Amino acid sequence: MGLLDDAKDKASGLQDQVGDDKLQQGVEQGGDFVDDKTGGKYADKVDQGQDAARERLGGDEDADAAQ
């Protein structure tokens, strides 16, 4: 099993334990943290990562647009 497969399995288990809403919050807070620490220098990449994470979690990809 590769590193990414292991991470995927752990994320799936976490999703079952804490629920989608908490994971969605974590994705948003993580992106905000990175934006804060980098002064927004990589905001477009962070947003892409957040969108990809939301898609994998089955959430709303346009959550940033609603804020």
PDB file of N, CA and C in Angstrom:
ATOM      1  N   MET A   1       0.850  -1.176   0.000  1.00  0.00           N
ATOM      2  CA  MET A   1       0.000   0.000   0.000  1.00  0.00           C
ATOM      3  C   MET A   1       0.893   1.236   0.000  1.00  0.00           C
ATOM      4  N   GLY A   2       0.582   2.159  -0.872  1.00  0.00           N
ATOM      5  CA  GLY A   2       1.372   3.370  -0.976  1.00  0.00           C
ATOM      6  C   GLY A   2       0.979   4.411   0.048  1.00  0.00           C
ATOM      7  N   LEU A   3       1.776   5.440   0.098  1.00  0.00           N
ATOM      8  CA  LEU A   3       1.544   6.530   1.044  1.00  0.00           C
ATOM      9  C   LEU A   3       0.178   7.184   0.824  1.00  0.00           C
ATOM     10  N   LEU A   4      -0.184   7.421  -0.428  1.00  0.00           N
ATOM     11  CA  LEU A   4      -1.467   8.062  -0.708  1.00  0.00           C
ATOM     12  C   LEU A   4      -2.639   7.152  -0.366  1.00  0.00           C
ATOM     13  N   ASP A   5      -2.476   5.862  -0.597  1.00  0.00           N
ATOM     14  CA  ASP A   5      -3.532   4.921  -0.226  1.00  0.00           C
ATOM     15  C   ASP A   5      -3.743   4.915   1.284  1.00  0.00           C
ATOM     16  N   ASP A   6      -2.653   4.954   2.025  1.00  0.00           N
ATOM     17  CA  ASP A   6      -2.727   4.980   3.486  1.00  0.00           C
ATOM     18  C   ASP A   6      -3.419   6.258   3.956  1.00  0.00           C
ATOM     19  N   ALA A   7      -3.057   7.391   3.370  1.00  0.00           N
ATOM     20  CA  ALA A   7      -3.681   8.670   3.742  1.00  0.00           C
ATOM     21  C   ALA A   7      -5.169   8.655   3.415  1.00  0.00           C
ATOM     22  N   LYS A   8      -5.523   8.082   2.274  1.00  0.00           N
ATOM     23  CA  LYS A   8      -6.930   8.000   1.874  1.00  0.00           C
ATOM     24  C   LYS A   8      -7.724   7.156   2.868  1.00  0.00           C
ATOM     25  N   ASP A   9      -7.154   6.030   3.292  1.00  0.00           N
ATOM     26  CA  ASP A   9      -7.829   5.169   4.255  1.00  0.00           C
ATOM     27  C   ASP A   9      -8.020   5.881   5.595  1.00  0.00           C
ATOM     28  N   LYS A  10      -7.007   6.603   6.030  1.00  0.00           N
ATOM     29  CA  LYS A  10      -7.100   7.330   7.301  1.00  0.00           C
ATOM     30  C   LYS A  10      -8.141   8.442   7.213  1.00  0.00           C
ATOM     31  N   ALA A  11      -8.168   9.153   6.081  1.00  0.00           N
ATOM     32  CA  ALA A  11      -9.144  10.228   5.898  1.00  0.00           C
ATOM     33  C   ALA A  11     -10.560   9.673   5.876  1.00  0.00           C
ATOM     34  N   SER A  12     -10.735   8.531   5.241  1.00  0.00           N
ATOM     35  CA  SER A  12     -12.051   7.902   5.194  1.00  0.00           C
ATOM     36  C   SER A  12     -12.517   7.525   6.595  1.00  0.00           C
ATOM     37  N   GLY A  13     -11.611   6.977   7.394  1.00  0.00           N
ATOM     38  CA  GLY A  13     -11.944   6.628   8.767  1.00  0.00           C
ATOM     39  C   GLY A  13     -12.278   7.849   9.597  1.00  0.00           C
ATOM     40  N   LEU A  14     -11.559   8.917   9.382  1.00  0.00           N
ATOM     41  CA  LEU A  14     -11.815  10.166  10.097  1.00  0.00           C
ATOM     42  C   LEU A  14     -13.180  10.727   9.715  1.00  0.00           C
ATOM     43  N   GLN A  15     -13.510  10.642   8.437  1.00  0.00           N
ATOM     44  CA  GLN A  15     -14.804  11.130   7.964  1.00  0.00           C
ATOM     45  C   GLN A  15     -15.930  10.386   8.672  1.00  0.00           C
ATOM     46  N   ASP A  16     -15.769   9.088   8.857  1.00  0.00           N
ATOM     47  CA  ASP A  16     -16.783   8.289   9.552  1.00  0.00           C
ATOM     48  C   ASP A  16     -16.891   8.684  11.016  1.00  0.00           C
ATOM     49  N   GLN A  17     -15.760   9.049  11.637  1.00  0.00           N
ATOM     50  CA  GLN A  17     -15.743   9.358  13.061  1.00  0.00           C
ATOM     51  C   GLN A  17     -16.307  10.741  13.387  1.00  0.00           C
ATOM     52  N   VAL A  18     -15.897  11.759  12.647  1.00  0.00           N
ATOM     53  CA  VAL A  18     -16.267  13.123  13.042  1.00  0.00           C
ATOM     54  C   VAL A  18     -17.370  13.734  12.201  1.00  0.00           C
ATOM     55  N   GLY A  19     -17.612  13.207  11.031  1.00  0.00           N
ATOM     56  CA  GLY A  19     -18.685  13.724  10.197  1.00  0.00           C
ATOM     57  C   GLY A  19     -18.206  14.749   9.184  1.00  0.00           C
ATOM     58  N   ASP A  20     -18.994  14.899   8.163  1.00  0.00           N
ATOM     59  CA  ASP A  20     -18.647  15.769   7.041  1.00  0.00           C
ATOM     60  C   ASP A  20     -18.557  17.251   7.421  1.00  0.00           C
ATOM     61  N   ASP A  21     -19.455  17.702   8.283  1.00  0.00           N
ATOM     62  CA  ASP A  21     -19.452  19.123   8.638  1.00  0.00           C
ATOM     63  C   ASP A  21     -18.140  19.540   9.291  1.00  0.00           C
ATOM     64  N   LYS A  22     -17.647  18.722  10.195  1.00  0.00           N
ATOM     65  CA  LYS A  22     -16.389  19.037  10.879  1.00  0.00           C
ATOM     66  C   LYS A  22     -15.221  19.015   9.900  1.00  0.00           C
ATOM     67  N   LEU A  23     -15.225  18.065   8.973  1.00  0.00           N
ATOM     68  CA  LEU A  23     -14.148  18.005   7.986  1.00  0.00           C
ATOM     69  C   LEU A  23     -14.205  19.203   7.051  1.00  0.00           C
ATOM     70  N   GLN A  24     -15.405  19.616   6.677  1.00  0.00           N
ATOM     71  CA  GLN A  24     -15.551  20.801   5.829  1.00  0.00           C
ATOM     72  C   GLN A  24     -14.999  22.034   6.556  1.00  0.00           C
ATOM     73  N   GLN A  25     -15.292  22.142   7.835  1.00  0.00           N
ATOM     74  CA  GLN A  25     -14.761  23.243   8.641  1.00  0.00           C
ATOM     75  C   GLN A  25     -13.239  23.192   8.678  1.00  0.00           C
ATOM     76  N   GLY A  26     -12.697  21.999   8.836  1.00  0.00           N
ATOM     77  CA  GLY A  26     -11.247  21.825   8.877  1.00  0.00           C
ATOM     78  C   GLY A  26     -10.586  22.231   7.580  1.00  0.00           C
ATOM     79  N   VAL A  27     -11.204  21.900   6.457  1.00  0.00           N
ATOM     80  CA  VAL A  27     -10.678  22.297   5.150  1.00  0.00           C
ATOM     81  C   VAL A  27     -10.659  23.818   5.044  1.00  0.00           C
ATOM     82  N   GLU A  28     -11.731  24.454   5.461  1.00  0.00           N
ATOM     83  CA  GLU A  28     -11.821  25.916   5.391  1.00  0.00           C
ATOM     84  C   GLU A  28     -10.808  26.576   6.322  1.00  0.00           C
ATOM     85  N   GLN A  29     -10.721  26.091   7.554  1.00  0.00           N
ATOM     86  CA  GLN A  29      -9.788  26.667   8.518  1.00  0.00           C
ATOM     87  C   GLN A  29      -8.344  26.437   8.101  1.00  0.00           C
ATOM     88  N   GLY A  30      -8.064  25.271   7.550  1.00  0.00           N
ATOM     89  CA  GLY A  30      -6.711  24.985   7.070  1.00  0.00           C
ATOM     90  C   GLY A  30      -6.303  25.929   5.955  1.00  0.00           C
ATOM     91  N   GLY A  31      -7.206  26.165   5.026  1.00  0.00           N
ATOM     92  CA  GLY A  31      -6.926  27.093   3.931  1.00  0.00           C
ATOM     93  C   GLY A  31      -6.728  28.513   4.435  1.00  0.00           C
ATOM     94  N   ASP A  32      -7.564  28.926   5.379  1.00  0.00           N
ATOM     95  CA  ASP A  32      -7.419  30.265   5.963  1.00  0.00           C
ATOM     96  C   ASP A  32      -6.084  30.411   6.679  1.00  0.00           C
ATOM     97  N   PHE A  33      -5.662  29.351   7.373  1.00  0.00           N
ATOM     98  CA  PHE A  33      -4.388  29.362   8.087  1.00  0.00           C
ATOM     99  C   PHE A  33      -3.227  29.551   7.107  1.00  0.00           C
ATOM    100  N   VAL A  34      -3.240  28.767   6.032  1.00  0.00           N
ATOM    101  CA  VAL A  34      -2.173  28.874   5.032  1.00  0.00           C
ATOM    102  C   VAL A  34      -2.173  30.261   4.399  1.00  0.00           C
ATOM    103  N   ASP A  35      -3.351  30.765   4.056  1.00  0.00           N
ATOM    104  CA  ASP A  35      -3.440  32.115   3.478  1.00  0.00           C
ATOM    105  C   ASP A  35      -2.871  33.158   4.435  1.00  0.00           C
ATOM    106  N   ASP A  36      -3.191  33.020   5.710  1.00  0.00           N
ATOM    107  CA  ASP A  36      -2.702  33.958   6.712  1.00  0.00           C
ATOM    108  C   ASP A  36      -1.181  33.900   6.824  1.00  0.00           C
ATOM    109  N   LYS A  37      -0.643  32.703   6.889  1.00  0.00           N
ATOM    110  CA  LYS A  37       0.807  32.538   7.064  1.00  0.00           C
ATOM    111  C   LYS A  37       1.605  32.949   5.831  1.00  0.00           C
ATOM    112  N   THR A  38       0.998  32.863   4.651  1.00  0.00           N
ATOM    113  CA  THR A  38       1.713  33.205   3.416  1.00  0.00           C
ATOM    114  C   THR A  38       1.313  34.581   2.887  1.00  0.00           C
ATOM    115  N   GLY A  39       0.495  35.286   3.639  1.00  0.00           N
ATOM    116  CA  GLY A  39       0.053  36.598   3.188  1.00  0.00           C
ATOM    117  C   GLY A  39      -0.798  36.533   1.926  1.00  0.00           C
ATOM    118  N   GLY A  40      -1.445  35.401   1.693  1.00  0.00           N
ATOM    119  CA  GLY A  40      -2.302  35.234   0.524  1.00  0.00           C
ATOM    120  C   GLY A  40      -1.548  34.992  -0.769  1.00  0.00           C
ATOM    121  N   LYS A  41      -0.233  34.811  -0.666  1.00  0.00           N
ATOM    122  CA  LYS A  41       0.606  34.649  -1.858  1.00  0.00           C
ATOM    123  C   LYS A  41       0.175  33.455  -2.706  1.00  0.00           C
ATOM    124  N   TYR A  42      -0.314  32.414  -2.062  1.00  0.00           N
ATOM    125  CA  TYR A  42      -0.705  31.196  -2.778  1.00  0.00           C
ATOM    126  C   TYR A  42      -2.209  30.954  -2.703  1.00  0.00           C
ATOM    127  N   ALA A  43      -2.988  32.013  -2.563  1.00  0.00           N
ATOM    128  CA  ALA A  43      -4.428  31.891  -2.357  1.00  0.00           C
ATOM    129  C   ALA A  43      -5.111  31.102  -3.467  1.00  0.00           C
ATOM    130  N   ASP A  44      -4.672  31.293  -4.714  1.00  0.00           N
ATOM    131  CA  ASP A  44      -5.309  30.561  -5.807  1.00  0.00           C
ATOM    132  C   ASP A  44      -5.050  29.063  -5.685  1.00  0.00           C
ATOM    133  N   LYS A  45      -3.855  28.680  -5.292  1.00  0.00           N
ATOM    134  CA  LYS A  45      -3.529  27.263  -5.107  1.00  0.00           C
ATOM    135  C   LYS A  45      -4.244  26.685  -3.886  1.00  0.00           C
ATOM    136  N   VAL A  46      -4.322  27.477  -2.838  1.00  0.00           N
ATOM    137  CA  VAL A  46      -5.027  27.040  -1.632  1.00  0.00           C
ATOM    138  C   VAL A  46      -6.500  26.806  -1.964  1.00  0.00           C
ATOM    139  N   ASP A  47      -7.097  27.720  -2.711  1.00  0.00           N
ATOM    140  CA  ASP A  47      -8.496  27.562  -3.099  1.00  0.00           C
ATOM    141  C   ASP A  47      -8.702  26.306  -3.940  1.00  0.00           C
ATOM    142  N   GLN A  48      -7.766  26.030  -4.841  1.00  0.00           N
ATOM    143  CA  GLN A  48      -7.862  24.813  -5.647  1.00  0.00           C
ATOM    144  C   GLN A  48      -7.805  23.576  -4.759  1.00  0.00           C
ATOM    145  N   GLY A  49      -6.921  23.597  -3.781  1.00  0.00           N
ATOM    146  CA  GLY A  49      -6.811  22.478  -2.851  1.00  0.00           C
ATOM    147  C   GLY A  49      -8.073  22.306  -2.014  1.00  0.00           C
ATOM    148  N   GLN A  50      -8.630  23.421  -1.565  1.00  0.00           N
ATOM    149  CA  GLN A  50      -9.864  23.364  -0.791  1.00  0.00           C
ATOM    150  C   GLN A  50     -11.006  22.816  -1.649  1.00  0.00           C
ATOM    151  N   ASP A  51     -11.094  23.266  -2.883  1.00  0.00           N
ATOM    152  CA  ASP A  51     -12.142  22.778  -3.782  1.00  0.00           C
ATOM    153  C   ASP A  51     -12.007  21.275  -4.009  1.00  0.00           C
ATOM    154  N   ALA A  52     -10.781  20.818  -4.211  1.00  0.00           N
ATOM    155  CA  ALA A  52     -10.546  19.388  -4.426  1.00  0.00           C
ATOM    156  C   ALA A  52     -10.919  18.584  -3.181  1.00  0.00           C
ATOM    157  N   ALA A  53     -10.564  19.105  -2.011  1.00  0.00           N
ATOM    158  CA  ALA A  53     -10.897  18.414  -0.768  1.00  0.00           C
ATOM    159  C   ALA A  53     -12.409  18.364  -0.565  1.00  0.00           C
ATOM    160  N   ARG A  54     -13.094  19.469  -0.834  1.00  0.00           N
ATOM    161  CA  ARG A  54     -14.555  19.493  -0.694  1.00  0.00           C
ATOM    162  C   ARG A  54     -15.209  18.510  -1.656  1.00  0.00           C
ATOM    163  N   GLU A  55     -14.686  18.456  -2.864  1.00  0.00           N
ATOM    164  CA  GLU A  55     -15.233  17.526  -3.859  1.00  0.00           C
ATOM    165  C   GLU A  55     -15.082  16.083  -3.386  1.00  0.00           C
ATOM    166  N   ARG A  56     -13.915  15.753  -2.846  1.00  0.00           N
ATOM    167  CA  ARG A  56     -13.676  14.396  -2.345  1.00  0.00           C
ATOM    168  C   ARG A  56     -14.561  14.078  -1.138  1.00  0.00           C
ATOM    169  N   LEU A  57     -14.884  15.104  -0.355  1.00  0.00           N
ATOM    170  CA  LEU A  57     -15.725  14.908   0.806  1.00  0.00           C
ATOM    171  C   LEU A  57     -17.208  14.936   0.433  1.00  0.00           C
ATOM    172  N   GLY A  58     -17.506  15.310  -0.801  1.00  0.00           N
ATOM    173  CA  GLY A  58     -18.885  15.376  -1.235  1.00  0.00           C
ATOM    174  C   GLY A  58     -19.581  16.650  -0.816  1.00  0.00           C
ATOM    175  N   GLY A  59     -18.789  17.688  -0.543  1.00  0.00           N
ATOM    176  CA  GLY A  59     -19.357  18.947  -0.084  1.00  0.00           C
ATOM    177  C   GLY A  59     -19.505  19.969  -1.179  1.00  0.00           C
ATOM    178  N   ASP A  60     -19.826  21.167  -0.778  1.00  0.00           N
ATOM    179  CA  ASP A  60     -20.057  22.285  -1.688  1.00  0.00           C
ATOM    180  C   ASP A  60     -18.726  22.875  -2.120  1.00  0.00           C
ATOM    181  N   GLU A  61     -18.442  22.806  -3.417  1.00  0.00           N
ATOM    182  CA  GLU A  61     -17.182  23.326  -3.943  1.00  0.00           C
ATOM    183  C   GLU A  61     -17.118  24.846  -3.937  1.00  0.00           C
ATOM    184  N   ASP A  62     -18.277  25.491  -3.917  1.00  0.00           N
ATOM    185  CA  ASP A  62     -18.331  26.946  -4.024  1.00  0.00           C
ATOM    186  C   ASP A  62     -18.528  27.619  -2.666  1.00  0.00           C
ATOM    187  N   ALA A  63     -18.061  27.003  -1.602  1.00  0.00           N
ATOM    188  CA  ALA A  63     -18.245  27.568  -0.264  1.00  0.00           C
ATOM    189  C   ALA A  63     -17.539  28.908  -0.129  1.00  0.00           C
ATOM    190  N   ASP A  64     -16.371  29.090  -0.789  1.00  0.00           N
ATOM    191  CA  ASP A  64     -15.668  30.364  -0.716  1.00  0.00           C
ATOM    192  C   ASP A  64     -16.491  31.472  -1.359  1.00  0.00           C
ATOM    193  N   ALA A  65     -17.213  31.177  -2.415  1.00  0.00           N
ATOM    194  CA  ALA A  65     -17.997  32.181  -3.123  1.00  0.00           C
ATOM    195  C   ALA A  65     -19.143  32.682  -2.260  1.00  0.00           C
ATOM    196  N   ALA A  66     -19.620  31.850  -1.341  1.00  0.00           N
ATOM    197  CA  ALA A  66     -20.735  32.222  -0.492  1.00  0.00           C
ATOM    198  C   ALA A  66     -20.306  33.134   0.646  1.00  0.00           C
ATOM    199  N   GLN A  67     -19.015  33.232   0.907  1.00  0.00           N
ATOM    200  CA  GLN A  67     -18.543  34.035   2.049  1.00  0.00           C
ATOM    201  C   GLN A  67     -18.395  35.475   1.678  1.00  0.00           C
TER     202      GLN A  67
END
